[in-house]
Amino acid sequence: MVSNISQDTIIYCYFTCFGEQRLTSLNVSVFYPPTQVLLKLQPTWVAVGRPFTIKCHVPAVKPLESLTLMLLRGQEVLHNQTFWGTADGTQGATATHNSTAHREDGLHNFSCQAILDLRSLGGNIIHRVSEPQMLKVYEPRPDNQMVVIISVVSVLLFLFVTSILLCFVLGQHWRQRRMGTYGVQGAGGLSRTYWAQ
């Protein structure tokens, strides 16, 4: 029975057989399964057509070269990343995927699955999955500043056209008031009307 081993080691066993001392050894490989799989969506609220990032992180795992991280939307694999490492200790691993928000993204859970394949070391396949997260997708609204500008320009244009029309009408009215009619008796008893300014 082997206990209290925190790193890869070689166990040696000395024994005597028929009066002759012999030696045998055993390689012990220590692995650290992914105990935490952390998923982060940035941002969590995003407009249709805007970019967002899916990030998955495993704080400590060993051996790193046996690890695969899969980023999922529902059951669909968005990104698949295998790692390589030669360090003796535990290492963290991060997978990142950039995407563009679609309306249907708000209908699915996003998650990250960590797979540690120890079959080459005589072990099994270990699966860990992050807590699922939802992406909140909304339709972009028109820019409020642009709406204000359009409204102000429309009002100013209306006032400009109205002022021109008023100037024209008042000018005509003023012209009519300045003009008068005068009756003039002509020779032969004919009466004619003249306009005078």
C-alpha atoms as a PDB file:
ATOM      1  CA  MET A   1       0.000   0.000   0.000  1.00  0.00           C
ATOM      2  CA  VAL A   2       1.303   3.420  -1.038  1.00  0.00           C
ATOM      3  CA  SER A   3       0.136   6.604   0.671  1.00  0.00           C
ATOM      4  CA  ASN A   4       1.084  10.268   1.172  1.00  0.00           C
ATOM      5  CA  ILE A   5       2.595  10.723  -2.283  1.00  0.00           C
ATOM      6  CA  SER A   6       2.116  14.181  -3.828  1.00  0.00           C
ATOM      7  CA  GLN A   7       4.378  13.919  -6.870  1.00  0.00           C
ATOM      8  CA  ASP A   8       5.624  11.350  -9.347  1.00  0.00           C
ATOM      9  CA  THR A   9       8.071   9.012  -7.716  1.00  0.00           C
ATOM     10  CA  ILE A  10       9.825   5.671  -8.043  1.00  0.00           C
ATOM     11  CA  ILE A  11       9.358   3.089  -5.304  1.00  0.00           C
ATOM     12  CA  TYR A  12      12.252   0.644  -4.821  1.00  0.00           C
ATOM     13  CA  CYS A  13      11.855  -2.753  -3.217  1.00  0.00           C
ATOM     14  CA  TYR A  14      14.869  -4.715  -2.012  1.00  0.00           C
ATOM     15  CA  PHE A  15      14.451  -8.354  -1.257  1.00  0.00           C
ATOM     16  CA  THR A  16      16.527 -11.460  -0.756  1.00  0.00           C
ATOM     17  CA  CYS A  17      15.884 -14.569  -2.795  1.00  0.00           C
ATOM     18  CA  PHE A  18      17.871 -17.754  -2.058  1.00  0.00           C
ATOM     19  CA  GLY A  19      20.460 -15.705  -0.210  1.00  0.00           C
ATOM     20  CA  GLU A  20      20.872 -13.215  -3.060  1.00  0.00           C
ATOM     21  CA  GLN A  21      19.759  -9.582  -2.666  1.00  0.00           C
ATOM     22  CA  ARG A  22      17.658  -8.277  -5.522  1.00  0.00           C
ATOM     23  CA  LEU A  23      15.935  -5.029  -6.483  1.00  0.00           C
ATOM     24  CA  THR A  24      12.725  -4.143  -8.248  1.00  0.00           C
ATOM     25  CA  SER A  25      11.119  -0.736  -8.796  1.00  0.00           C
ATOM     26  CA  LEU A  26       7.687   0.707  -9.414  1.00  0.00           C
ATOM     27  CA  ASN A  27       6.922   4.019 -11.130  1.00  0.00           C
ATOM     28  CA  VAL A  28       4.104   5.868  -9.385  1.00  0.00           C
ATOM     29  CA  SER A  29       2.417   8.647 -11.387  1.00  0.00           C
ATOM     30  CA  VAL A  30       0.371  11.168  -9.468  1.00  0.00           C
ATOM     31  CA  PHE A  31      -2.483  12.937 -11.234  1.00  0.00           C
ATOM     32  CA  TYR A  32      -4.683  15.832 -10.198  1.00  0.00           C
ATOM     33  CA  PRO A  33      -8.149  15.713 -11.713  1.00  0.00           C
ATOM     34  CA  PRO A  34      -9.893  19.011 -12.507  1.00  0.00           C
ATOM     35  CA  THR A  35     -11.852  19.704  -9.328  1.00  0.00           C
ATOM     36  CA  GLN A  36     -13.052  23.125 -10.525  1.00  0.00           C
ATOM     37  CA  VAL A  37     -14.200  24.079 -14.010  1.00  0.00           C
ATOM     38  CA  LEU A  38     -14.971  27.794 -14.108  1.00  0.00           C
ATOM     39  CA  LEU A  39     -16.958  29.339 -16.961  1.00  0.00           C
ATOM     40  CA  LYS A  40     -17.266  33.066 -17.610  1.00  0.00           C
ATOM     41  CA  LEU A  41     -19.302  34.927 -20.235  1.00  0.00           C
ATOM     42  CA  GLN A  42     -18.145  38.455 -20.977  1.00  0.00           C
ATOM     43  CA  PRO A  43     -20.386  40.406 -21.175  1.00  0.00           C
ATOM     44  CA  THR A  44     -23.416  38.547 -19.815  1.00  0.00           C
ATOM     45  CA  TRP A  45     -25.799  41.027 -21.531  1.00  0.00           C
ATOM     46  CA  VAL A  46     -25.106  41.518 -25.234  1.00  0.00           C
ATOM     47  CA  ALA A  47     -26.939  43.007 -28.221  1.00  0.00           C
ATOM     48  CA  VAL A  48     -27.642  40.943 -31.334  1.00  0.00           C
ATOM     49  CA  GLY A  49     -24.677  41.193 -33.687  1.00  0.00           C
ATOM     50  CA  ARG A  50     -22.248  42.291 -30.972  1.00  0.00           C
ATOM     51  CA  PRO A  51     -19.188  40.239 -29.870  1.00  0.00           C
ATOM     52  CA  PHE A  52     -18.905  38.308 -26.625  1.00  0.00           C
ATOM     53  CA  THR A  53     -16.274  35.992 -25.136  1.00  0.00           C
ATOM     54  CA  ILE A  54     -16.577  32.541 -23.577  1.00  0.00           C
ATOM     55  CA  LYS A  55     -13.752  31.711 -21.169  1.00  0.00           C
ATOM     56  CA  CYS A  56     -13.157  28.426 -19.346  1.00  0.00           C
ATOM     57  CA  HIS A  57     -10.507  27.973 -16.670  1.00  0.00           C
ATOM     58  CA  VAL A  58      -9.290  24.952 -14.714  1.00  0.00           C
ATOM     59  CA  PRO A  59      -7.118  26.131 -11.767  1.00  0.00           C
ATOM     60  CA  ALA A  60      -4.975  23.021 -11.161  1.00  0.00           C
ATOM     61  CA  VAL A  61      -4.650  19.819 -13.140  1.00  0.00           C
ATOM     62  CA  LYS A  62      -2.025  17.181 -13.879  1.00  0.00           C
ATOM     63  CA  PRO A  63      -0.918  15.877 -16.305  1.00  0.00           C
ATOM     64  CA  LEU A  64      -1.718  18.885 -18.465  1.00  0.00           C
ATOM     65  CA  GLU A  65      -1.004  17.050 -21.723  1.00  0.00           C
ATOM     66  CA  SER A  66      -3.931  14.718 -20.984  1.00  0.00           C
ATOM     67  CA  LEU A  67      -6.445  17.569 -20.607  1.00  0.00           C
ATOM     68  CA  THR A  68      -9.028  18.714 -23.147  1.00  0.00           C
ATOM     69  CA  LEU A  69     -11.435  21.622 -22.615  1.00  0.00           C
ATOM     70  CA  MET A  70     -14.643  21.818 -24.651  1.00  0.00           C
ATOM     71  CA  LEU A  71     -16.793  24.964 -24.769  1.00  0.00           C
ATOM     72  CA  LEU A  72     -20.431  24.101 -25.404  1.00  0.00           C
ATOM     73  CA  ARG A  73     -23.616  25.910 -26.390  1.00  0.00           C
ATOM     74  CA  GLY A  74     -26.299  23.430 -25.427  1.00  0.00           C
ATOM     75  CA  GLN A  75     -24.930  20.196 -26.944  1.00  0.00           C
ATOM     76  CA  GLU A  76     -23.023  21.993 -29.722  1.00  0.00           C
ATOM     77  CA  VAL A  77     -19.220  22.143 -29.395  1.00  0.00           C
ATOM     78  CA  LEU A  78     -18.060  25.705 -30.094  1.00  0.00           C
ATOM     79  CA  HIS A  79     -14.397  25.234 -29.263  1.00  0.00           C
ATOM     80  CA  ASN A  80     -12.169  22.265 -28.450  1.00  0.00           C
ATOM     81  CA  GLN A  81      -8.661  22.736 -27.017  1.00  0.00           C
ATOM     82  CA  THR A  82      -6.001  20.196 -25.994  1.00  0.00           C
ATOM     83  CA  PHE A  83      -3.026  21.248 -23.882  1.00  0.00           C
ATOM     84  CA  TRP A  84       0.624  20.336 -23.714  1.00  0.00           C
ATOM     85  CA  GLY A  85       2.809  20.574 -20.656  1.00  0.00           C
ATOM     86  CA  THR A  86       6.005  19.114 -19.249  1.00  0.00           C
ATOM     87  CA  ALA A  87       6.084  20.606 -15.739  1.00  0.00           C
ATOM     88  CA  ASP A  88       6.102  18.220 -12.811  1.00  0.00           C
ATOM     89  CA  GLY A  89       3.628  20.230 -10.716  1.00  0.00           C
ATOM     90  CA  THR A  90       0.040  21.119 -11.313  1.00  0.00           C
ATOM     91  CA  GLN A  91      -0.816  23.741 -13.894  1.00  0.00           C
ATOM     92  CA  GLY A  92      -3.843  25.838 -14.721  1.00  0.00           C
ATOM     93  CA  ALA A  93      -5.421  25.750 -18.158  1.00  0.00           C
ATOM     94  CA  THR A  94      -7.619  28.295 -19.951  1.00  0.00           C
ATOM     95  CA  ALA A  95      -9.609  28.076 -23.176  1.00  0.00           C
ATOM     96  CA  THR A  96     -11.130  31.183 -24.791  1.00  0.00           C
ATOM     97  CA  HIS A  97     -13.566  31.517 -27.675  1.00  0.00           C
ATOM     98  CA  ASN A  98     -14.820  34.750 -29.270  1.00  0.00           C
ATOM     99  CA  SER A  99     -18.245  34.738 -30.867  1.00  0.00           C
ATOM    100  CA  THR A 100     -20.985  37.023 -32.194  1.00  0.00           C
ATOM    101  CA  ALA A 101     -24.360  37.082 -30.449  1.00  0.00           C
ATOM    102  CA  HIS A 102     -27.387  35.674 -32.285  1.00  0.00           C
ATOM    103  CA  ARG A 103     -30.999  35.639 -31.119  1.00  0.00           C
ATOM    104  CA  GLU A 104     -30.930  31.876 -30.545  1.00  0.00           C
ATOM    105  CA  ASP A 105     -27.920  32.185 -28.195  1.00  0.00           C
ATOM    106  CA  GLY A 106     -30.287  33.361 -25.465  1.00  0.00           C
ATOM    107  CA  LEU A 107     -32.169  30.038 -25.664  1.00  0.00           C
ATOM    108  CA  HIS A 108     -29.225  27.776 -24.785  1.00  0.00           C
ATOM    109  CA  ASN A 109     -27.035  27.119 -21.768  1.00  0.00           C
ATOM    110  CA  PHE A 110     -23.313  27.652 -22.171  1.00  0.00           C
ATOM    111  CA  SER A 111     -20.978  25.267 -20.354  1.00  0.00           C
ATOM    112  CA  CYS A 112     -17.423  23.953 -20.297  1.00  0.00           C
ATOM    113  CA  GLN A 113     -16.436  20.308 -20.077  1.00  0.00           C
ATOM    114  CA  ALA A 114     -12.984  19.263 -18.854  1.00  0.00           C
ATOM    115  CA  ILE A 115     -11.782  15.805 -19.911  1.00  0.00           C
ATOM    116  CA  LEU A 116      -8.677  14.254 -18.358  1.00  0.00           C
ATOM    117  CA  ASP A 117      -7.698  11.152 -20.359  1.00  0.00           C
ATOM    118  CA  LEU A 118      -5.491   8.894 -18.200  1.00  0.00           C
ATOM    119  CA  ARG A 119      -5.772   5.771 -20.338  1.00  0.00           C
ATOM    120  CA  SER A 120      -2.136   6.062 -21.470  1.00  0.00           C
ATOM    121  CA  LEU A 121      -1.143   5.903 -17.770  1.00  0.00           C
ATOM    122  CA  GLY A 122      -3.359   2.925 -17.053  1.00  0.00           C
ATOM    123  CA  GLY A 123      -6.236   5.013 -15.706  1.00  0.00           C
ATOM    124  CA  ASN A 124      -9.656   6.095 -16.893  1.00  0.00           C
ATOM    125  CA  ILE A 125     -11.243   9.163 -18.471  1.00  0.00           C
ATOM    126  CA  ILE A 126     -12.342  11.772 -15.910  1.00  0.00           C
ATOM    127  CA  HIS A 127     -15.096  14.257 -16.818  1.00  0.00           C
ATOM    128  CA  ARG A 128     -15.942  17.496 -15.054  1.00  0.00           C
ATOM    129  CA  VAL A 129     -18.511  20.074 -16.216  1.00  0.00           C
ATOM    130  CA  SER A 130     -18.893  23.709 -15.194  1.00  0.00           C
ATOM    131  CA  GLU A 131     -22.086  25.270 -13.926  1.00  0.00           C
ATOM    132  CA  PRO A 132     -24.221  26.228 -16.945  1.00  0.00           C
ATOM    133  CA  GLN A 133     -24.695  29.909 -17.717  1.00  0.00           C
ATOM    134  CA  MET A 134     -27.210  31.807 -19.832  1.00  0.00           C
ATOM    135  CA  LEU A 135     -26.356  34.643 -22.199  1.00  0.00           C
ATOM    136  CA  LYS A 136     -28.939  37.432 -22.204  1.00  0.00           C
ATOM    137  CA  VAL A 137     -29.378  38.644 -25.787  1.00  0.00           C
ATOM    138  CA  TYR A 138     -31.399  41.768 -26.634  1.00  0.00           C
ATOM    139  CA  GLU A 139     -32.266  43.731 -29.752  1.00  0.00           C
ATOM    140  CA  PRO A 140     -30.250  46.940 -30.116  1.00  0.00           C
ATOM    141  CA  ARG A 141     -32.253  50.148 -29.692  1.00  0.00           C
ATOM    142  CA  PRO A 142     -31.784  53.226 -31.833  1.00  0.00           C
ATOM    143  CA  ASP A 143     -29.286  55.735 -30.511  1.00  0.00           C
ATOM    144  CA  ASN A 144     -31.174  58.204 -28.273  1.00  0.00           C
ATOM    145  CA  GLN A 145     -28.804  61.004 -29.223  1.00  0.00           C
ATOM    146  CA  MET A 146     -29.592  60.489 -32.897  1.00  0.00           C
ATOM    147  CA  VAL A 147     -33.334  60.556 -32.162  1.00  0.00           C
ATOM    148  CA  VAL A 148     -32.913  63.869 -30.312  1.00  0.00           C
ATOM    149  CA  ILE A 149     -30.894  65.369 -33.166  1.00  0.00           C
ATOM    150  CA  ILE A 150     -33.464  64.298 -35.766  1.00  0.00           C
ATOM    151  CA  SER A 151     -36.299  65.710 -33.631  1.00  0.00           C
ATOM    152  CA  VAL A 152     -34.545  69.079 -33.139  1.00  0.00           C
ATOM    153  CA  VAL A 153     -33.713  69.386 -36.841  1.00  0.00           C
ATOM    154  CA  SER A 154     -37.318  68.560 -37.754  1.00  0.00           C
ATOM    155  CA  VAL A 155     -38.688  71.214 -35.376  1.00  0.00           C
ATOM    156  CA  LEU A 156     -36.244  73.854 -36.643  1.00  0.00           C
ATOM    157  CA  LEU A 157     -37.111  73.045 -40.255  1.00  0.00           C
ATOM    158  CA  PHE A 158     -40.828  73.317 -39.462  1.00  0.00           C
ATOM    159  CA  LEU A 159     -40.307  76.710 -37.754  1.00  0.00           C
ATOM    160  CA  PHE A 160     -38.222  77.962 -40.676  1.00  0.00           C
ATOM    161  CA  VAL A 161     -40.844  77.013 -43.265  1.00  0.00           C
ATOM    162  CA  THR A 162     -43.646  78.427 -41.074  1.00  0.00           C
ATOM    163  CA  SER A 163     -41.801  81.751 -40.634  1.00  0.00           C
ATOM    164  CA  ILE A 164     -41.302  82.105 -44.394  1.00  0.00           C
ATOM    165  CA  LEU A 165     -45.002  81.450 -45.049  1.00  0.00           C
ATOM    166  CA  LEU A 166     -46.002  83.962 -42.342  1.00  0.00           C
ATOM    167  CA  CYS A 167     -43.678  86.599 -43.796  1.00  0.00           C
ATOM    168  CA  PHE A 168     -45.182  86.083 -47.215  1.00  0.00           C
ATOM    169  CA  VAL A 169     -48.808  86.293 -45.965  1.00  0.00           C
ATOM    170  CA  LEU A 170     -48.143  89.344 -43.765  1.00  0.00           C
ATOM    171  CA  GLY A 171     -46.289  91.049 -46.602  1.00  0.00           C
ATOM    172  CA  GLN A 172     -49.225  90.566 -48.914  1.00  0.00           C
ATOM    173  CA  HIS A 173     -51.632  91.864 -46.271  1.00  0.00           C
ATOM    174  CA  TRP A 174     -49.449  94.927 -45.617  1.00  0.00           C
ATOM    175  CA  ARG A 175     -49.236  95.616 -49.355  1.00  0.00           C
ATOM    176  CA  GLN A 176     -53.034  95.452 -49.666  1.00  0.00           C
ATOM    177  CA  ARG A 177     -53.471  97.947 -46.838  1.00  0.00           C
ATOM    178  CA  ARG A 178     -51.066 100.415 -48.368  1.00  0.00           C
ATOM    179  CA  MET A 179     -52.866 100.341 -51.685  1.00  0.00           C
ATOM    180  CA  GLY A 180     -56.196 102.178 -51.954  1.00  0.00           C
ATOM    181  CA  THR A 181     -58.929 102.824 -54.608  1.00  0.00           C
ATOM    182  CA  TYR A 182     -59.782 106.323 -55.839  1.00  0.00           C
ATOM    183  CA  GLY A 183     -62.712 107.309 -58.084  1.00  0.00           C
ATOM    184  CA  VAL A 184     -61.914 109.920 -60.771  1.00  0.00           C
ATOM    185  CA  GLN A 185     -64.573 111.666 -62.839  1.00  0.00           C
ATOM    186  CA  GLY A 186     -63.427 111.753 -66.402  1.00  0.00           C
ATOM    187  CA  ALA A 187     -64.503 113.917 -69.292  1.00  0.00           C
ATOM    188  CA  GLY A 188     -67.777 112.849 -70.786  1.00  0.00           C
ATOM    189  CA  GLY A 189     -69.114 111.740 -67.435  1.00  0.00           C
ATOM    190  CA  LEU A 190     -67.306 108.377 -67.352  1.00  0.00           C
ATOM    191  CA  SER A 191     -66.089 107.246 -63.973  1.00  0.00           C
ATOM    192  CA  ARG A 192     -62.817 105.341 -63.804  1.00  0.00           C
ATOM    193  CA  THR A 193     -61.113 103.653 -60.865  1.00  0.00           C
ATOM    194  CA  TYR A 194     -57.392 103.958 -60.324  1.00  0.00           C
ATOM    195  CA  TRP A 195     -55.201 102.141 -57.892  1.00  0.00           C
ATOM    196  CA  ALA A 196     -52.724 104.266 -56.073  1.00  0.00           C
ATOM    197  CA  GLN A 197     -49.912 103.317 -53.861  1.00  0.00           C
END
